[in-house]
Amino acid sequence: MSLEGKLVAQINIKCDGDVFHEIIRFRPHHISSMSPDMIQNVNIHKGEWGTVGCVNSWNYTHDGKKKVAKKIIEEIDEEKKLVKEKMIGGDLLEAYKSFYLTVHVQTKGENNLVTWILKYEKMNAKVQDPHTFMGLLLNMTKDIETYHIK
C-alpha cells in the first residue's frame, strides 16, 4: 500500500476568477473576514505577499479543532493563475511526511473553475487521506465566492 496520495477537487465559482486568484496569491490575510468560521487569521513570516519564498501561517478550524499551518510558496504561474505551496510546519505535518497544496483558477467568460490539488505522503498506513481538509478548502472557496457576489 502506497503512502503517497493525491486528491483533486474542482468547483465552479460565480465571482471573478481573477479576483479569486488575487486573493489567494496577494491577500490571503483577508480571507479571515470572508470565511471567519474556518479561517481565524493569516500572518506573513518571511518575504512579501504573493511572491515565491513567502512564508505564511494560517490559524484555522478543521474538524471542530483549532489548527495551525505554516506554508511556503514554491511556485507561481500568473498566466495559469496557479499557486503551489509546501507545508513546512503545523498540525498537518503530524500525520503527513510531506504536504503540498496547489490552487489553479481557470477563467472563461463567466465560467470560473477553481481546482485544488493536495499531494501528500502519510506517516503510516493508518493515516486517513485528507478528504476533510479538502472539504475545508472547498467550503472556504464558497465563502470567498459568496463574499464577492453580495
N, C-alpha and C. Protein backbone atom coordinates (compact mmCIF):
# COMPACT_ATOMS: atom_id res chain seq x y z
N MET A 1 0.85 -1.19 0.00
CA MET A 1 0.00 0.00 0.00
C MET A 1 0.88 1.24 0.00
N SER A 2 0.66 2.10 -0.96
CA SER A 2 1.44 3.33 -1.07
C SER A 2 1.00 4.35 -0.02
N LEU A 3 1.97 5.04 0.53
CA LEU A 3 1.66 6.09 1.50
C LEU A 3 1.52 7.45 0.82
N GLU A 4 1.85 7.50 -0.47
CA GLU A 4 1.72 8.75 -1.21
C GLU A 4 0.33 8.84 -1.81
N GLY A 5 -0.19 10.05 -1.87
CA GLY A 5 -1.52 10.23 -2.42
C GLY A 5 -1.71 11.59 -3.05
N LYS A 6 -2.81 11.70 -3.77
CA LYS A 6 -3.15 12.95 -4.43
C LYS A 6 -4.67 13.05 -4.48
N LEU A 7 -5.19 14.19 -4.04
CA LEU A 7 -6.61 14.47 -4.15
C LEU A 7 -6.78 15.69 -5.04
N VAL A 8 -7.78 15.65 -5.91
CA VAL A 8 -8.08 16.77 -6.80
C VAL A 8 -9.57 17.05 -6.68
N ALA A 9 -9.91 18.31 -6.51
CA ALA A 9 -11.31 18.71 -6.47
C ALA A 9 -11.48 20.01 -7.24
N GLN A 10 -12.60 20.11 -7.95
CA GLN A 10 -12.89 21.31 -8.72
C GLN A 10 -14.23 21.86 -8.30
N ILE A 11 -14.32 23.19 -8.36
CA ILE A 11 -15.56 23.86 -8.00
C ILE A 11 -15.74 25.07 -8.91
N ASN A 12 -16.94 25.23 -9.45
CA ASN A 12 -17.26 26.42 -10.25
C ASN A 12 -17.63 27.55 -9.30
N ILE A 13 -17.14 28.74 -9.61
CA ILE A 13 -17.50 29.91 -8.81
C ILE A 13 -18.11 30.97 -9.72
N LYS A 14 -19.02 31.73 -9.15
CA LYS A 14 -19.70 32.78 -9.90
C LYS A 14 -18.98 34.12 -9.81
N CYS A 15 -18.11 34.28 -8.81
CA CYS A 15 -17.37 35.53 -8.70
C CYS A 15 -16.20 35.51 -9.69
N ASP A 16 -15.58 36.62 -9.89
CA ASP A 16 -14.50 36.79 -10.85
C ASP A 16 -13.31 35.90 -10.48
N GLY A 17 -12.88 35.05 -11.41
CA GLY A 17 -11.75 34.15 -11.18
C GLY A 17 -10.45 34.88 -10.96
N ASP A 18 -10.27 36.02 -11.64
CA ASP A 18 -9.06 36.82 -11.44
C ASP A 18 -9.00 37.37 -10.02
N VAL A 19 -10.15 37.78 -9.50
CA VAL A 19 -10.22 38.29 -8.13
C VAL A 19 -9.90 37.17 -7.14
N PHE A 20 -10.46 35.97 -7.39
CA PHE A 20 -10.19 34.83 -6.51
C PHE A 20 -8.69 34.54 -6.47
N HIS A 21 -8.06 34.49 -7.64
CA HIS A 21 -6.62 34.23 -7.71
C HIS A 21 -5.84 35.31 -6.97
N GLU A 22 -6.22 36.57 -7.15
CA GLU A 22 -5.54 37.67 -6.48
C GLU A 22 -5.63 37.53 -4.96
N ILE A 23 -6.78 37.10 -4.45
CA ILE A 23 -6.95 36.92 -3.01
C ILE A 23 -6.03 35.81 -2.52
N ILE A 24 -6.04 34.68 -3.20
CA ILE A 24 -5.20 33.55 -2.79
C ILE A 24 -3.72 33.93 -2.86
N ARG A 25 -3.32 34.64 -3.90
CA ARG A 25 -1.90 34.97 -4.07
C ARG A 25 -1.45 36.15 -3.21
N PHE A 26 -2.14 37.28 -3.33
CA PHE A 26 -1.66 38.51 -2.71
C PHE A 26 -2.34 38.89 -1.39
N ARG A 27 -3.56 38.39 -1.17
CA ARG A 27 -4.31 38.85 0.01
C ARG A 27 -4.91 37.71 0.84
N PRO A 28 -4.17 36.64 1.09
CA PRO A 28 -4.75 35.57 1.90
C PRO A 28 -5.10 36.03 3.32
N HIS A 29 -4.44 37.09 3.78
CA HIS A 29 -4.72 37.62 5.11
C HIS A 29 -6.10 38.27 5.19
N HIS A 30 -6.77 38.45 4.07
CA HIS A 30 -8.14 38.98 4.06
C HIS A 30 -9.19 37.86 4.14
N ILE A 31 -8.77 36.62 3.95
CA ILE A 31 -9.72 35.50 3.91
C ILE A 31 -10.43 35.34 5.26
N SER A 32 -9.79 35.70 6.35
CA SER A 32 -10.44 35.55 7.66
C SER A 32 -11.71 36.40 7.76
N SER A 33 -11.79 37.49 7.02
CA SER A 33 -13.01 38.30 7.04
C SER A 33 -14.07 37.74 6.08
N MET A 34 -13.66 36.89 5.14
CA MET A 34 -14.58 36.29 4.17
C MET A 34 -15.08 34.92 4.63
N SER A 35 -14.26 34.23 5.42
CA SER A 35 -14.58 32.88 5.88
C SER A 35 -14.20 32.75 7.36
N PRO A 36 -14.81 33.58 8.23
CA PRO A 36 -14.38 33.64 9.63
C PRO A 36 -14.62 32.37 10.44
N ASP A 37 -15.58 31.54 10.03
CA ASP A 37 -15.82 30.30 10.76
C ASP A 37 -14.68 29.29 10.57
N MET A 38 -13.98 29.40 9.44
CA MET A 38 -12.91 28.45 9.14
C MET A 38 -11.51 29.03 9.31
N ILE A 39 -11.34 30.29 8.92
CA ILE A 39 -10.01 30.91 8.93
C ILE A 39 -10.01 32.05 9.95
N GLN A 40 -9.19 31.91 11.00
CA GLN A 40 -9.15 32.95 12.03
C GLN A 40 -8.16 34.07 11.65
N ASN A 41 -6.99 33.70 11.15
CA ASN A 41 -6.05 34.71 10.66
C ASN A 41 -4.95 34.07 9.83
N VAL A 42 -4.30 34.91 9.04
CA VAL A 42 -3.16 34.51 8.21
C VAL A 42 -2.09 35.57 8.41
N ASN A 43 -0.89 35.13 8.79
CA ASN A 43 0.21 36.06 9.05
C ASN A 43 1.40 35.74 8.17
N ILE A 44 2.13 36.77 7.79
CA ILE A 44 3.34 36.60 6.99
C ILE A 44 4.54 36.52 7.93
N HIS A 45 5.47 35.63 7.62
CA HIS A 45 6.67 35.47 8.44
C HIS A 45 7.94 35.87 7.70
N LYS A 46 7.93 35.70 6.38
CA LYS A 46 9.13 35.98 5.59
C LYS A 46 8.71 36.32 4.17
N GLY A 47 9.40 37.26 3.56
CA GLY A 47 9.13 37.61 2.18
C GLY A 47 7.97 38.59 2.06
N GLU A 48 7.43 38.66 0.85
CA GLU A 48 6.32 39.55 0.55
C GLU A 48 5.15 38.72 0.05
N TRP A 49 3.92 39.19 0.37
CA TRP A 49 2.72 38.50 -0.09
C TRP A 49 2.80 38.28 -1.59
N GLY A 50 2.42 37.09 -2.02
CA GLY A 50 2.29 36.80 -3.45
C GLY A 50 3.58 36.55 -4.18
N THR A 51 4.68 36.26 -3.46
CA THR A 51 5.96 36.01 -4.11
C THR A 51 6.48 34.63 -3.73
N VAL A 52 7.24 34.01 -4.63
CA VAL A 52 7.86 32.74 -4.34
C VAL A 52 8.80 32.94 -3.14
N GLY A 53 8.74 32.02 -2.20
CA GLY A 53 9.55 32.12 -0.99
C GLY A 53 8.82 32.74 0.18
N CYS A 54 7.64 33.30 -0.05
CA CYS A 54 6.85 33.89 1.02
C CYS A 54 6.43 32.78 1.99
N VAL A 55 6.69 33.01 3.28
CA VAL A 55 6.29 32.07 4.32
C VAL A 55 5.15 32.70 5.11
N ASN A 56 4.05 31.96 5.23
CA ASN A 56 2.91 32.47 6.00
C ASN A 56 2.32 31.35 6.85
N SER A 57 1.62 31.76 7.90
CA SER A 57 0.96 30.78 8.76
C SER A 57 -0.52 31.08 8.81
N TRP A 58 -1.30 30.02 8.90
CA TRP A 58 -2.75 30.10 8.93
C TRP A 58 -3.24 29.52 10.24
N ASN A 59 -4.12 30.23 10.92
CA ASN A 59 -4.85 29.69 12.06
C ASN A 59 -6.24 29.40 11.54
N TYR A 60 -6.66 28.14 11.66
CA TYR A 60 -7.93 27.73 11.06
C TYR A 60 -8.62 26.70 11.94
N THR A 61 -9.87 26.43 11.64
CA THR A 61 -10.64 25.41 12.34
C THR A 61 -10.92 24.28 11.37
N HIS A 62 -10.52 23.07 11.77
CA HIS A 62 -10.68 21.88 10.93
C HIS A 62 -11.23 20.76 11.80
N ASP A 63 -12.32 20.17 11.39
CA ASP A 63 -12.98 19.11 12.16
C ASP A 63 -13.26 19.56 13.59
N GLY A 64 -13.66 20.83 13.73
CA GLY A 64 -14.04 21.37 15.03
C GLY A 64 -12.89 21.72 15.96
N LYS A 65 -11.65 21.63 15.47
CA LYS A 65 -10.49 21.91 16.31
C LYS A 65 -9.66 23.05 15.72
N LYS A 66 -9.10 23.86 16.60
CA LYS A 66 -8.21 24.95 16.16
C LYS A 66 -6.89 24.33 15.71
N LYS A 67 -6.42 24.76 14.53
CA LYS A 67 -5.20 24.21 13.94
C LYS A 67 -4.34 25.34 13.40
N VAL A 68 -3.09 24.97 13.09
CA VAL A 68 -2.13 25.91 12.51
C VAL A 68 -1.46 25.23 11.31
N ALA A 69 -1.21 26.01 10.27
CA ALA A 69 -0.46 25.54 9.10
C ALA A 69 0.56 26.60 8.74
N LYS A 70 1.80 26.18 8.55
CA LYS A 70 2.85 27.10 8.10
C LYS A 70 3.29 26.63 6.72
N LYS A 71 3.22 27.57 5.73
CA LYS A 71 3.45 27.20 4.34
C LYS A 71 4.45 28.16 3.68
N ILE A 72 5.11 27.64 2.65
CA ILE A 72 5.97 28.47 1.81
C ILE A 72 5.48 28.36 0.37
N ILE A 73 5.41 29.49 -0.31
CA ILE A 73 5.02 29.47 -1.72
C ILE A 73 6.23 28.99 -2.53
N GLU A 74 6.03 27.89 -3.26
CA GLU A 74 7.11 27.30 -4.07
C GLU A 74 7.02 27.69 -5.54
N GLU A 75 5.82 27.94 -6.02
CA GLU A 75 5.65 28.21 -7.45
C GLU A 75 4.45 29.12 -7.67
N ILE A 76 4.60 30.04 -8.60
CA ILE A 76 3.51 30.90 -9.03
C ILE A 76 3.55 30.95 -10.55
N ASP A 77 2.42 30.70 -11.18
CA ASP A 77 2.30 30.84 -12.62
C ASP A 77 1.13 31.79 -12.86
N GLU A 78 1.46 33.04 -13.11
CA GLU A 78 0.43 34.06 -13.26
C GLU A 78 -0.45 33.80 -14.46
N GLU A 79 0.14 33.29 -15.56
CA GLU A 79 -0.64 33.01 -16.77
C GLU A 79 -1.70 31.95 -16.50
N LYS A 80 -1.34 30.90 -15.74
CA LYS A 80 -2.28 29.82 -15.41
C LYS A 80 -3.08 30.11 -14.14
N LYS A 81 -2.77 31.24 -13.47
CA LYS A 81 -3.41 31.59 -12.19
C LYS A 81 -3.25 30.42 -11.21
N LEU A 82 -1.99 30.03 -11.02
CA LEU A 82 -1.65 28.87 -10.20
C LEU A 82 -0.71 29.27 -9.08
N VAL A 83 -0.98 28.76 -7.88
CA VAL A 83 -0.10 28.95 -6.73
C VAL A 83 0.12 27.58 -6.10
N LYS A 84 1.40 27.21 -5.91
CA LYS A 84 1.73 25.94 -5.27
C LYS A 84 2.49 26.24 -3.99
N GLU A 85 2.04 25.60 -2.89
CA GLU A 85 2.64 25.81 -1.58
C GLU A 85 3.04 24.48 -0.96
N LYS A 86 4.05 24.54 -0.11
CA LYS A 86 4.52 23.37 0.63
C LYS A 86 4.33 23.65 2.12
N MET A 87 3.75 22.68 2.82
CA MET A 87 3.64 22.80 4.28
C MET A 87 5.03 22.61 4.88
N ILE A 88 5.40 23.54 5.74
CA ILE A 88 6.70 23.43 6.40
C ILE A 88 6.56 23.38 7.93
N GLY A 89 5.33 23.45 8.41
CA GLY A 89 5.08 23.36 9.83
C GLY A 89 3.59 23.28 10.10
N GLY A 90 3.25 22.92 11.33
CA GLY A 90 1.85 22.91 11.72
C GLY A 90 1.29 21.51 11.91
N ASP A 91 -0.01 21.48 12.18
CA ASP A 91 -0.70 20.25 12.56
C ASP A 91 -0.70 19.17 11.48
N LEU A 92 -0.82 19.53 10.22
CA LEU A 92 -0.87 18.51 9.16
C LEU A 92 0.40 17.67 9.12
N LEU A 93 1.52 18.26 9.48
CA LEU A 93 2.78 17.51 9.41
C LEU A 93 2.95 16.53 10.57
N GLU A 94 1.97 16.47 11.47
CA GLU A 94 1.97 15.42 12.48
C GLU A 94 1.52 14.10 11.86
N ALA A 95 0.73 14.16 10.79
CA ALA A 95 0.21 12.96 10.14
C ALA A 95 0.83 12.69 8.76
N TYR A 96 1.43 13.72 8.18
CA TYR A 96 1.97 13.60 6.82
C TYR A 96 3.44 14.00 6.79
N LYS A 97 4.26 13.17 6.11
CA LYS A 97 5.69 13.49 5.95
C LYS A 97 5.87 14.71 5.05
N SER A 98 5.02 14.79 4.03
CA SER A 98 5.04 15.95 3.14
C SER A 98 3.62 16.27 2.74
N PHE A 99 3.38 17.56 2.46
CA PHE A 99 2.03 18.00 2.11
C PHE A 99 2.16 19.23 1.21
N TYR A 100 1.65 19.13 -0.01
CA TYR A 100 1.67 20.22 -0.97
C TYR A 100 0.24 20.58 -1.34
N LEU A 101 0.02 21.86 -1.52
CA LEU A 101 -1.30 22.38 -1.84
C LEU A 101 -1.16 23.26 -3.07
N THR A 102 -1.94 22.98 -4.10
CA THR A 102 -1.92 23.79 -5.32
C THR A 102 -3.33 24.26 -5.60
N VAL A 103 -3.46 25.53 -5.96
CA VAL A 103 -4.75 26.06 -6.39
C VAL A 103 -4.55 26.69 -7.77
N HIS A 104 -5.49 26.37 -8.66
CA HIS A 104 -5.42 26.82 -10.05
C HIS A 104 -6.79 27.34 -10.43
N VAL A 105 -6.83 28.52 -11.04
CA VAL A 105 -8.10 29.12 -11.44
C VAL A 105 -8.14 29.25 -12.96
N GLN A 106 -9.19 28.68 -13.55
CA GLN A 106 -9.41 28.80 -14.99
C GLN A 106 -10.58 29.75 -15.20
N THR A 107 -10.37 30.75 -16.04
CA THR A 107 -11.44 31.72 -16.30
C THR A 107 -11.80 31.68 -17.79
N LYS A 108 -13.09 31.55 -18.04
CA LYS A 108 -13.61 31.59 -19.42
C LYS A 108 -14.92 32.33 -19.36
N GLY A 109 -14.87 33.62 -19.62
CA GLY A 109 -16.08 34.44 -19.55
C GLY A 109 -16.63 34.44 -18.14
N GLU A 110 -17.87 34.01 -18.00
CA GLU A 110 -18.49 33.96 -16.68
C GLU A 110 -18.25 32.63 -15.97
N ASN A 111 -17.61 31.70 -16.65
CA ASN A 111 -17.31 30.40 -16.06
C ASN A 111 -15.92 30.43 -15.44
N ASN A 112 -15.86 30.24 -14.13
CA ASN A 112 -14.59 30.24 -13.41
C ASN A 112 -14.49 28.94 -12.64
N LEU A 113 -13.45 28.18 -12.92
CA LEU A 113 -13.25 26.88 -12.30
C LEU A 113 -12.02 26.92 -11.40
N VAL A 114 -12.23 26.61 -10.11
CA VAL A 114 -11.13 26.55 -9.15
C VAL A 114 -10.79 25.08 -8.93
N THR A 115 -9.52 24.75 -9.12
CA THR A 115 -9.04 23.39 -8.91
C THR A 115 -8.08 23.39 -7.73
N TRP A 116 -8.36 22.56 -6.73
CA TRP A 116 -7.48 22.36 -5.59
C TRP A 116 -6.82 20.98 -5.74
N ILE A 117 -5.51 20.94 -5.55
CA ILE A 117 -4.76 19.68 -5.63
C ILE A 117 -3.96 19.52 -4.34
N LEU A 118 -4.15 18.39 -3.68
CA LEU A 118 -3.37 18.06 -2.49
C LEU A 118 -2.50 16.87 -2.83
N LYS A 119 -1.18 17.02 -2.67
CA LYS A 119 -0.25 15.91 -2.84
C LYS A 119 0.40 15.70 -1.48
N TYR A 120 0.50 14.45 -1.06
CA TYR A 120 0.95 14.21 0.31
C TYR A 120 1.58 12.82 0.42
N GLU A 121 2.33 12.66 1.50
CA GLU A 121 2.84 11.36 1.89
C GLU A 121 2.50 11.16 3.36
N LYS A 122 1.77 10.09 3.64
CA LYS A 122 1.32 9.81 5.00
C LYS A 122 2.50 9.29 5.84
N MET A 123 2.42 9.53 7.14
CA MET A 123 3.42 9.00 8.06
C MET A 123 3.34 7.47 8.13
N ASN A 124 2.11 6.93 8.06
CA ASN A 124 1.92 5.48 8.08
C ASN A 124 0.56 5.15 7.46
N ALA A 125 0.30 3.87 7.30
CA ALA A 125 -0.91 3.41 6.60
C ALA A 125 -2.19 3.72 7.38
N LYS A 126 -2.10 4.00 8.67
CA LYS A 126 -3.29 4.30 9.48
C LYS A 126 -3.81 5.71 9.26
N VAL A 127 -2.98 6.58 8.68
CA VAL A 127 -3.38 7.97 8.44
C VAL A 127 -4.40 8.02 7.31
N GLN A 128 -5.48 8.74 7.56
CA GLN A 128 -6.54 8.89 6.56
C GLN A 128 -6.11 9.86 5.45
N ASP A 129 -6.66 9.68 4.27
CA ASP A 129 -6.47 10.66 3.20
C ASP A 129 -7.15 11.95 3.65
N PRO A 130 -6.62 13.10 3.24
CA PRO A 130 -7.13 14.38 3.77
C PRO A 130 -8.42 14.89 3.11
N HIS A 131 -9.43 14.02 3.05
CA HIS A 131 -10.71 14.41 2.43
C HIS A 131 -11.38 15.55 3.19
N THR A 132 -11.32 15.53 4.53
CA THR A 132 -11.98 16.60 5.29
C THR A 132 -11.24 17.93 5.12
N PHE A 133 -9.91 17.87 4.94
CA PHE A 133 -9.16 19.10 4.68
C PHE A 133 -9.54 19.66 3.31
N MET A 134 -9.71 18.77 2.33
CA MET A 134 -10.17 19.22 1.01
C MET A 134 -11.54 19.86 1.14
N GLY A 135 -12.40 19.29 1.97
CA GLY A 135 -13.71 19.88 2.20
C GLY A 135 -13.61 21.28 2.77
N LEU A 136 -12.66 21.48 3.67
CA LEU A 136 -12.43 22.81 4.24
C LEU A 136 -12.06 23.80 3.13
N LEU A 137 -11.17 23.39 2.23
CA LEU A 137 -10.75 24.28 1.13
C LEU A 137 -11.93 24.62 0.21
N LEU A 138 -12.77 23.63 -0.08
CA LEU A 138 -13.93 23.87 -0.94
C LEU A 138 -14.94 24.80 -0.25
N ASN A 139 -15.16 24.60 1.04
CA ASN A 139 -16.06 25.48 1.78
C ASN A 139 -15.51 26.90 1.89
N MET A 140 -14.20 27.02 2.06
CA MET A 140 -13.56 28.34 2.09
C MET A 140 -13.74 29.02 0.73
N THR A 141 -13.60 28.26 -0.35
CA THR A 141 -13.80 28.79 -1.71
C THR A 141 -15.22 29.33 -1.86
N LYS A 142 -16.21 28.57 -1.37
CA LYS A 142 -17.60 29.02 -1.43
C LYS A 142 -17.81 30.30 -0.62
N ASP A 143 -17.16 30.39 0.54
CA ASP A 143 -17.27 31.60 1.36
C ASP A 143 -16.69 32.81 0.65
N ILE A 144 -15.55 32.62 -0.01
CA ILE A 144 -14.93 33.73 -0.76
C ILE A 144 -15.85 34.15 -1.91
N GLU A 145 -16.43 33.16 -2.60
CA GLU A 145 -17.37 33.44 -3.67
C GLU A 145 -18.57 34.23 -3.15
N THR A 146 -19.17 33.76 -2.09
CA THR A 146 -20.35 34.43 -1.51
C THR A 146 -20.02 35.86 -1.13
N TYR A 147 -18.88 36.08 -0.55
CA TYR A 147 -18.45 37.41 -0.12
C TYR A 147 -18.37 38.36 -1.33
N HIS A 148 -17.91 37.84 -2.45
CA HIS A 148 -17.70 38.71 -3.62
C HIS A 148 -18.90 38.84 -4.56
N ILE A 149 -19.95 38.04 -4.35
CA ILE A 149 -21.13 38.23 -5.20
C ILE A 149 -22.25 38.92 -4.46
N LYS A 150 -22.01 39.34 -3.23
CA LYS A 150 -23.02 40.09 -2.47
C LYS A 150 -23.21 41.47 -3.05
